[in-house]
């Protein structure tokens, strides 16, 4: 089975790929809008997650998430289904 996705992994990718400051309050529960992450940034994040975890992510499902915690749960459910 692939490595599980964690909030720390997603937060690190948000910082590196999209420029979200690591010290953002409630970074794991703040909405994408509150973090200033738009659809292009989310698409880049999803592609990076796919590549690093070796899975296929439904972009439609991923865009349905509202924050880091929801994305982690969705990605981990994909990992379980593919594992």
PDB file of N, CA and C in Angstrom:
ATOM      1  N   UNK A   1       0.836  -1.196   0.000  1.00  0.00           N
ATOM      2  CA  UNK A   1       0.000   0.000   0.000  1.00  0.00           C
ATOM      3  C   UNK A   1       0.870   1.246   0.000  1.00  0.00           C
ATOM      4  N   UNK A   2       0.431   2.297  -0.666  1.00  0.00           N
ATOM      5  CA  UNK A   2       1.153   3.552  -0.734  1.00  0.00           C
ATOM      6  C   UNK A   2       1.159   4.236   0.630  1.00  0.00           C
ATOM      7  N   UNK A   3       2.040   5.209   0.735  1.00  0.00           N
ATOM      8  CA  UNK A   3       2.115   6.032   1.936  1.00  0.00           C
ATOM      9  C   UNK A   3       0.803   6.790   2.115  1.00  0.00           C
ATOM     10  N   UNK A   4       0.326   6.864   3.353  1.00  0.00           N
ATOM     11  CA  UNK A   4      -0.894   7.631   3.605  1.00  0.00           C
ATOM     12  C   UNK A   4      -0.606   9.120   3.470  1.00  0.00           C
ATOM     13  N   UNK A   5      -1.607   9.838   3.065  1.00  0.00           N
ATOM     14  CA  UNK A   5      -1.530  11.290   2.972  1.00  0.00           C
ATOM     15  C   UNK A   5      -1.771  11.866   4.367  1.00  0.00           C
ATOM     16  N   UNK A   6      -1.024  12.908   4.703  1.00  0.00           N
ATOM     17  CA  UNK A   6      -1.213  13.579   5.985  1.00  0.00           C
ATOM     18  C   UNK A   6      -1.422  15.072   5.750  1.00  0.00           C
ATOM     19  N   UNK A   7      -1.964  15.736   6.754  1.00  0.00           N
ATOM     20  CA  UNK A   7      -2.135  17.186   6.662  1.00  0.00           C
ATOM     21  C   UNK A   7      -0.781  17.862   6.474  1.00  0.00           C
ATOM     22  N   UNK A   8       0.264  17.335   7.110  1.00  0.00           N
ATOM     23  CA  UNK A   8       1.596  17.922   6.998  1.00  0.00           C
ATOM     24  C   UNK A   8       2.102  17.874   5.558  1.00  0.00           C
ATOM     25  N   UNK A   9       1.849  16.758   4.869  1.00  0.00           N
ATOM     26  CA  UNK A   9       2.260  16.636   3.462  1.00  0.00           C
ATOM     27  C   UNK A   9       1.544  17.683   2.615  1.00  0.00           C
ATOM     28  N   UNK A  10       0.230  17.784   2.786  1.00  0.00           N
ATOM     29  CA  UNK A  10      -0.557  18.731   1.984  1.00  0.00           C
ATOM     30  C   UNK A  10      -0.152  20.167   2.305  1.00  0.00           C
ATOM     31  N   UNK A  11       0.046  20.479   3.567  1.00  0.00           N
ATOM     32  CA  UNK A  11       0.431  21.842   3.967  1.00  0.00           C
ATOM     33  C   UNK A  11       1.785  22.203   3.376  1.00  0.00           C
ATOM     34  N   UNK A  12       2.716  21.263   3.412  1.00  0.00           N
ATOM     35  CA  UNK A  12       4.035  21.503   2.817  1.00  0.00           C
ATOM     36  C   UNK A  12       3.910  21.776   1.320  1.00  0.00           C
ATOM     37  N   UNK A  13       3.072  20.997   0.628  1.00  0.00           N
ATOM     38  CA  UNK A  13       2.861  21.201  -0.807  1.00  0.00           C
ATOM     39  C   UNK A  13       2.172  22.536  -1.076  1.00  0.00           C
ATOM     40  N   UNK A  14       1.208  22.906  -0.240  1.00  0.00           N
ATOM     41  CA  UNK A  14       0.543  24.204  -0.395  1.00  0.00           C
ATOM     42  C   UNK A  14       1.551  25.336  -0.269  1.00  0.00           C
ATOM     43  N   UNK A  15       2.460  25.190   0.666  1.00  0.00           N
ATOM     44  CA  UNK A  15       3.483  26.216   0.875  1.00  0.00           C
ATOM     45  C   UNK A  15       4.429  26.278  -0.321  1.00  0.00           C
ATOM     46  N   UNK A  16       4.912  25.118  -0.746  1.00  0.00           N
ATOM     47  CA  UNK A  16       5.892  25.059  -1.828  1.00  0.00           C
ATOM     48  C   UNK A  16       5.303  25.417  -3.185  1.00  0.00           C
ATOM     49  N   UNK A  17       4.146  24.854  -3.506  1.00  0.00           N
ATOM     50  CA  UNK A  17       3.564  25.013  -4.840  1.00  0.00           C
ATOM     51  C   UNK A  17       2.700  26.262  -5.002  1.00  0.00           C
ATOM     52  N   UNK A  18       2.022  26.663  -3.917  1.00  0.00           N
ATOM     53  CA  UNK A  18       1.038  27.742  -4.041  1.00  0.00           C
ATOM     54  C   UNK A  18       1.434  28.983  -3.240  1.00  0.00           C
ATOM     55  N   UNK A  19       2.377  28.828  -2.305  1.00  0.00           N
ATOM     56  CA  UNK A  19       2.843  29.972  -1.537  1.00  0.00           C
ATOM     57  C   UNK A  19       2.061  30.276  -0.277  1.00  0.00           C
ATOM     58  N   UNK A  20       1.276  29.320   0.213  1.00  0.00           N
ATOM     59  CA  UNK A  20       0.535  29.539   1.458  1.00  0.00           C
ATOM     60  C   UNK A  20       1.529  29.553   2.618  1.00  0.00           C
ATOM     61  N   UNK A  21       1.543  30.622   3.421  1.00  0.00           N
ATOM     62  CA  UNK A  21       2.487  30.684   4.549  1.00  0.00           C
ATOM     63  C   UNK A  21       2.231  29.563   5.564  1.00  0.00           C
ATOM     64  N   UNK A  22       3.313  28.926   6.013  1.00  0.00           N
ATOM     65  CA  UNK A  22       3.189  27.826   6.966  1.00  0.00           C
ATOM     66  C   UNK A  22       2.577  28.261   8.294  1.00  0.00           C
ATOM     67  N   UNK A  23       2.739  29.539   8.639  1.00  0.00           N
ATOM     68  CA  UNK A  23       2.231  30.028   9.923  1.00  0.00           C
ATOM     69  C   UNK A  23       0.774  30.493   9.860  1.00  0.00           C
ATOM     70  N   UNK A  24       0.085  30.194   8.772  1.00  0.00           N
ATOM     71  CA  UNK A  24      -1.320  30.566   8.625  1.00  0.00           C
ATOM     72  C   UNK A  24      -2.148  29.920   9.741  1.00  0.00           C
ATOM     73  N   UNK A  25      -2.914  30.720  10.508  1.00  0.00           N
ATOM     74  CA  UNK A  25      -3.740  30.148  11.573  1.00  0.00           C
ATOM     75  C   UNK A  25      -4.756  29.140  11.026  1.00  0.00           C
ATOM     76  N   UNK A  26      -4.946  28.059  11.746  1.00  0.00           N
ATOM     77  CA  UNK A  26      -5.927  27.030  11.380  1.00  0.00           C
ATOM     78  C   UNK A  26      -5.759  26.563   9.938  1.00  0.00           C
ATOM     79  N   UNK A  27      -4.530  26.412   9.509  1.00  0.00           N
ATOM     80  CA  UNK A  27      -4.244  26.086   8.112  1.00  0.00           C
ATOM     81  C   UNK A  27      -4.904  24.779   7.673  1.00  0.00           C
ATOM     82  N   UNK A  28      -5.088  23.842   8.594  1.00  0.00           N
ATOM     83  CA  UNK A  28      -5.673  22.552   8.198  1.00  0.00           C
ATOM     84  C   UNK A  28      -7.188  22.594   8.085  1.00  0.00           C
ATOM     85  N   UNK A  29      -7.834  23.588   8.705  1.00  0.00           N
ATOM     86  CA  UNK A  29      -9.298  23.664   8.653  1.00  0.00           C
ATOM     87  C   UNK A  29      -9.810  24.904   7.908  1.00  0.00           C
ATOM     88  N   UNK A  30      -8.926  25.836   7.580  1.00  0.00           N
ATOM     89  CA  UNK A  30      -9.345  27.029   6.840  1.00  0.00           C
ATOM     90  C   UNK A  30      -9.778  26.614   5.432  1.00  0.00           C
ATOM     91  N   UNK A  31     -10.766  27.305   4.896  1.00  0.00           N
ATOM     92  CA  UNK A  31     -11.240  26.977   3.543  1.00  0.00           C
ATOM     93  C   UNK A  31     -10.175  27.348   2.528  1.00  0.00           C
ATOM     94  N   UNK A  32     -10.286  26.735   1.333  1.00  0.00           N
ATOM     95  CA  UNK A  32      -9.348  27.086   0.267  1.00  0.00           C
ATOM     96  C   UNK A  32      -9.400  28.592   0.014  1.00  0.00           C
ATOM     97  N   UNK A  33     -10.602  29.157   0.040  1.00  0.00           N
ATOM     98  CA  UNK A  33     -10.760  30.594  -0.184  1.00  0.00           C
ATOM     99  C   UNK A  33     -10.035  31.394   0.891  1.00  0.00           C
ATOM    100  N   UNK A  34     -10.185  30.980   2.150  1.00  0.00           N
ATOM    101  CA  UNK A  34      -9.505  31.678   3.242  1.00  0.00           C
ATOM    102  C   UNK A  34      -7.980  31.592   3.115  1.00  0.00           C
ATOM    103  N   UNK A  35      -7.499  30.494   2.522  1.00  0.00           N
ATOM    104  CA  UNK A  35      -6.063  30.331   2.311  1.00  0.00           C
ATOM    105  C   UNK A  35      -5.584  31.042   1.048  1.00  0.00           C
ATOM    106  N   UNK A  36      -6.531  31.549   0.247  1.00  0.00           N
ATOM    107  CA  UNK A  36      -6.175  32.225  -0.992  1.00  0.00           C
ATOM    108  C   UNK A  36      -5.786  31.275  -2.107  1.00  0.00           C
ATOM    109  N   UNK A  37      -6.274  30.032  -2.022  1.00  0.00           N
ATOM    110  CA  UNK A  37      -5.946  29.020  -3.024  1.00  0.00           C
ATOM    111  C   UNK A  37      -7.099  28.944  -4.030  1.00  0.00           C
ATOM    112  N   UNK A  38      -6.790  29.225  -5.286  1.00  0.00           N
ATOM    113  CA  UNK A  38      -7.792  29.185  -6.348  1.00  0.00           C
ATOM    114  C   UNK A  38      -7.713  27.863  -7.092  1.00  0.00           C
ATOM    115  N   UNK A  39      -8.588  27.670  -8.064  1.00  0.00           N
ATOM    116  CA  UNK A  39      -8.688  26.383  -8.753  1.00  0.00           C
ATOM    117  C   UNK A  39      -7.384  25.966  -9.435  1.00  0.00           C
ATOM    118  N   UNK A  40      -6.640  26.902  -9.988  1.00  0.00           N
ATOM    119  CA  UNK A  40      -5.371  26.557 -10.632  1.00  0.00           C
ATOM    120  C   UNK A  40      -4.376  26.022  -9.598  1.00  0.00           C
ATOM    121  N   UNK A  41      -4.308  26.671  -8.446  1.00  0.00           N
ATOM    122  CA  UNK A  41      -3.441  26.203  -7.373  1.00  0.00           C
ATOM    123  C   UNK A  41      -3.864  24.841  -6.854  1.00  0.00           C
ATOM    124  N   UNK A  42      -5.169  24.627  -6.757  1.00  0.00           N
ATOM    125  CA  UNK A  42      -5.669  23.319  -6.324  1.00  0.00           C
ATOM    126  C   UNK A  42      -5.323  22.241  -7.342  1.00  0.00           C
ATOM    127  N   UNK A  43      -5.452  22.560  -8.611  1.00  0.00           N
ATOM    128  CA  UNK A  43      -5.114  21.586  -9.651  1.00  0.00           C
ATOM    129  C   UNK A  43      -3.641  21.194  -9.560  1.00  0.00           C
ATOM    130  N   UNK A  44      -2.783  22.168  -9.324  1.00  0.00           N
ATOM    131  CA  UNK A  44      -1.355  21.876  -9.175  1.00  0.00           C
ATOM    132  C   UNK A  44      -1.109  21.013  -7.935  1.00  0.00           C
ATOM    133  N   UNK A  45      -1.808  21.331  -6.850  1.00  0.00           N
ATOM    134  CA  UNK A  45      -1.689  20.543  -5.624  1.00  0.00           C
ATOM    135  C   UNK A  45      -2.127  19.103  -5.867  1.00  0.00           C
ATOM    136  N   UNK A  46      -3.261  18.907  -6.540  1.00  0.00           N
ATOM    137  CA  UNK A  46      -3.774  17.559  -6.800  1.00  0.00           C
ATOM    138  C   UNK A  46      -2.791  16.766  -7.666  1.00  0.00           C
ATOM    139  N   UNK A  47      -2.249  17.412  -8.700  1.00  0.00           N
ATOM    140  CA  UNK A  47      -1.293  16.731  -9.580  1.00  0.00           C
ATOM    141  C   UNK A  47      -0.033  16.336  -8.811  1.00  0.00           C
ATOM    142  N   UNK A  48       0.418  17.188  -7.922  1.00  0.00           N
ATOM    143  CA  UNK A  48       1.596  16.884  -7.113  1.00  0.00           C
ATOM    144  C   UNK A  48       1.317  15.719  -6.175  1.00  0.00           C
ATOM    145  N   UNK A  49       0.132  15.701  -5.578  1.00  0.00           N
ATOM    146  CA  UNK A  49      -0.248  14.586  -4.709  1.00  0.00           C
ATOM    147  C   UNK A  49      -0.300  13.285  -5.494  1.00  0.00           C
ATOM    148  N   UNK A  50      -0.893  13.335  -6.680  1.00  0.00           N
ATOM    149  CA  UNK A  50      -0.957  12.135  -7.522  1.00  0.00           C
ATOM    150  C   UNK A  50       0.440  11.597  -7.800  1.00  0.00           C
ATOM    151  N   UNK A  51       1.321  12.487  -8.191  1.00  0.00           N
ATOM    152  CA  UNK A  51       2.680  12.079  -8.545  1.00  0.00           C
ATOM    153  C   UNK A  51       3.444  11.539  -7.330  1.00  0.00           C
ATOM    154  N   UNK A  52       3.364  12.244  -6.220  1.00  0.00           N
ATOM    155  CA  UNK A  52       4.156  11.842  -5.053  1.00  0.00           C
ATOM    156  C   UNK A  52       3.615  10.592  -4.368  1.00  0.00           C
ATOM    157  N   UNK A  53       2.298  10.374  -4.426  1.00  0.00           N
ATOM    158  CA  UNK A  53       1.708   9.204  -3.770  1.00  0.00           C
ATOM    159  C   UNK A  53       1.442   8.057  -4.739  1.00  0.00           C
ATOM    160  N   UNK A  54       1.602   8.313  -6.035  1.00  0.00           N
ATOM    161  CA  UNK A  54       1.405   7.264  -7.025  1.00  0.00           C
ATOM    162  C   UNK A  54      -0.027   6.787  -7.153  1.00  0.00           C
ATOM    163  N   UNK A  55      -0.964   7.736  -7.084  1.00  0.00           N
ATOM    164  CA  UNK A  55      -2.389   7.381  -7.179  1.00  0.00           C
ATOM    165  C   UNK A  55      -3.066   8.265  -8.210  1.00  0.00           C
ATOM    166  N   UNK A  56      -4.288   7.914  -8.550  1.00  0.00           N
ATOM    167  CA  UNK A  56      -5.125   8.752  -9.405  1.00  0.00           C
ATOM    168  C   UNK A  56      -6.181   9.405  -8.536  1.00  0.00           C
ATOM    169  N   UNK A  57      -6.267  10.712  -8.652  1.00  0.00           N
ATOM    170  CA  UNK A  57      -7.241  11.478  -7.877  1.00  0.00           C
ATOM    171  C   UNK A  57      -8.297  12.022  -8.835  1.00  0.00           C
ATOM    172  N   UNK A  58      -9.555  11.840  -8.485  1.00  0.00           N
ATOM    173  CA  UNK A  58     -10.631  12.453  -9.247  1.00  0.00           C
ATOM    174  C   UNK A  58     -10.609  13.952  -8.960  1.00  0.00           C
ATOM    175  N   UNK A  59     -10.250  14.732  -9.983  1.00  0.00           N
ATOM    176  CA  UNK A  59     -10.190  16.171  -9.768  1.00  0.00           C
ATOM    177  C   UNK A  59     -11.551  16.726  -9.369  1.00  0.00           C
ATOM    178  N   UNK A  60     -12.620  16.140  -9.895  1.00  0.00           N
ATOM    179  CA  UNK A  60     -13.963  16.594  -9.529  1.00  0.00           C
ATOM    180  C   UNK A  60     -14.203  16.369  -8.035  1.00  0.00           C
ATOM    181  N   UNK A  61     -13.842  15.183  -7.536  1.00  0.00           N
ATOM    182  CA  UNK A  61     -13.996  14.906  -6.106  1.00  0.00           C
ATOM    183  C   UNK A  61     -13.089  15.815  -5.278  1.00  0.00           C
ATOM    184  N   UNK A  62     -11.864  15.990  -5.737  1.00  0.00           N
ATOM    185  CA  UNK A  62     -10.912  16.821  -5.004  1.00  0.00           C
ATOM    186  C   UNK A  62     -11.381  18.275  -4.939  1.00  0.00           C
ATOM    187  N   UNK A  63     -11.930  18.770  -6.053  1.00  0.00           N
ATOM    188  CA  UNK A  63     -12.442  20.148  -6.048  1.00  0.00           C
ATOM    189  C   UNK A  63     -13.653  20.292  -5.131  1.00  0.00           C
ATOM    190  N   UNK A  64     -14.291  19.188  -4.783  1.00  0.00           N
ATOM    191  CA  UNK A  64     -15.419  19.206  -3.861  1.00  0.00           C
ATOM    192  C   UNK A  64     -15.006  19.330  -2.405  1.00  0.00           C
ATOM    193  N   UNK A  65     -13.691  19.235  -2.145  1.00  0.00           N
ATOM    194  CA  UNK A  65     -13.230  19.398  -0.770  1.00  0.00           C
ATOM    195  C   UNK A  65     -13.144  20.876  -0.442  1.00  0.00           C
ATOM    196  N   UNK A  66     -13.252  21.190   0.849  1.00  0.00           N
ATOM    197  CA  UNK A  66     -13.243  22.588   1.276  1.00  0.00           C
ATOM    198  C   UNK A  66     -11.973  23.021   1.988  1.00  0.00           C
ATOM    199  N   UNK A  67     -11.179  22.034   2.441  1.00  0.00           N
ATOM    200  CA  UNK A  67      -9.983  22.385   3.200  1.00  0.00           C
ATOM    201  C   UNK A  67      -9.000  21.207   3.225  1.00  0.00           C
ATOM    202  N   UNK A  68      -7.883  21.402   3.891  1.00  0.00           N
ATOM    203  CA  UNK A  68      -6.827  20.396   3.953  1.00  0.00           C
ATOM    204  C   UNK A  68      -7.345  19.101   4.559  1.00  0.00           C
ATOM    205  N   UNK A  69      -8.061  19.165   5.672  1.00  0.00           N
ATOM    206  CA  UNK A  69      -8.548  17.949   6.333  1.00  0.00           C
ATOM    207  C   UNK A  69      -9.442  17.124   5.411  1.00  0.00           C
ATOM    208  N   UNK A  70     -10.347  17.779   4.700  1.00  0.00           N
ATOM    209  CA  UNK A  70     -11.239  17.058   3.784  1.00  0.00           C
ATOM    210  C   UNK A  70     -10.455  16.445   2.625  1.00  0.00           C
ATOM    211  N   UNK A  71      -9.445  17.166   2.114  1.00  0.00           N
ATOM    212  CA  UNK A  71      -8.632  16.637   1.021  1.00  0.00           C
ATOM    213  C   UNK A  71      -7.839  15.413   1.479  1.00  0.00           C
ATOM    214  N   UNK A  72      -7.259  15.476   2.672  1.00  0.00           N
ATOM    215  CA  UNK A  72      -6.501  14.335   3.213  1.00  0.00           C
ATOM    216  C   UNK A  72      -7.409  13.113   3.322  1.00  0.00           C
ATOM    217  N   UNK A  73      -8.613  13.291   3.846  1.00  0.00           N
ATOM    218  CA  UNK A  73      -9.546  12.169   3.986  1.00  0.00           C
ATOM    219  C   UNK A  73      -9.921  11.595   2.625  1.00  0.00           C
ATOM    220  N   UNK A  74     -10.168  12.465   1.649  1.00  0.00           N
ATOM    221  CA  UNK A  74     -10.524  12.010   0.307  1.00  0.00           C
ATOM    222  C   UNK A  74      -9.362  11.243  -0.340  1.00  0.00           C
ATOM    223  N   UNK A  75      -8.145  11.783  -0.226  1.00  0.00           N
ATOM    224  CA  UNK A  75      -6.971  11.134  -0.812  1.00  0.00           C
ATOM    225  C   UNK A  75      -6.740   9.784  -0.154  1.00  0.00           C
ATOM    226  N   UNK A  76      -6.856   9.718   1.160  1.00  0.00           N
ATOM    227  CA  UNK A  76      -6.636   8.445   1.853  1.00  0.00           C
ATOM    228  C   UNK A  76      -7.702   7.410   1.500  1.00  0.00           C
ATOM    229  N   UNK A  77      -8.918   7.859   1.207  1.00  0.00           N
ATOM    230  CA  UNK A  77      -9.936   6.896   0.764  1.00  0.00           C
ATOM    231  C   UNK A  77      -9.572   6.355  -0.621  1.00  0.00           C
ATOM    232  N   UNK A  78      -8.962   7.189  -1.472  1.00  0.00           N
ATOM    233  CA  UNK A  78      -8.480   6.708  -2.780  1.00  0.00           C
ATOM    234  C   UNK A  78      -7.357   5.687  -2.594  1.00  0.00           C
ATOM    235  N   UNK A  79      -6.474   5.941  -1.626  1.00  0.00           N
ATOM    236  CA  UNK A  79      -5.366   5.035  -1.360  1.00  0.00           C
ATOM    237  C   UNK A  79      -5.878   3.671  -0.914  1.00  0.00           C
ATOM    238  N   UNK A  80      -6.912   3.674  -0.080  1.00  0.00           N
ATOM    239  CA  UNK A  80      -7.487   2.412   0.407  1.00  0.00           C
ATOM    240  C   UNK A  80      -8.130   1.653  -0.747  1.00  0.00           C
ATOM    241  N   UNK A  81      -8.846   2.372  -1.599  1.00  0.00           N
ATOM    242  CA  UNK A  81      -9.519   1.730  -2.739  1.00  0.00           C
ATOM    243  C   UNK A  81      -8.513   1.172  -3.744  1.00  0.00           C
ATOM    244  N   UNK A  82      -7.394   1.893  -3.947  1.00  0.00           N
ATOM    245  CA  UNK A  82      -6.397   1.446  -4.916  1.00  0.00           C
ATOM    246  C   UNK A  82      -5.451   0.418  -4.328  1.00  0.00           C
ATOM    247  N   UNK A  83      -5.326   0.406  -2.972  1.00  0.00           N
ATOM    248  CA  UNK A  83      -4.394  -0.502  -2.300  1.00  0.00           C
ATOM    249  C   UNK A  83      -4.858  -1.885  -2.332  1.00  0.00           C
TER     250      UNK A  83
END
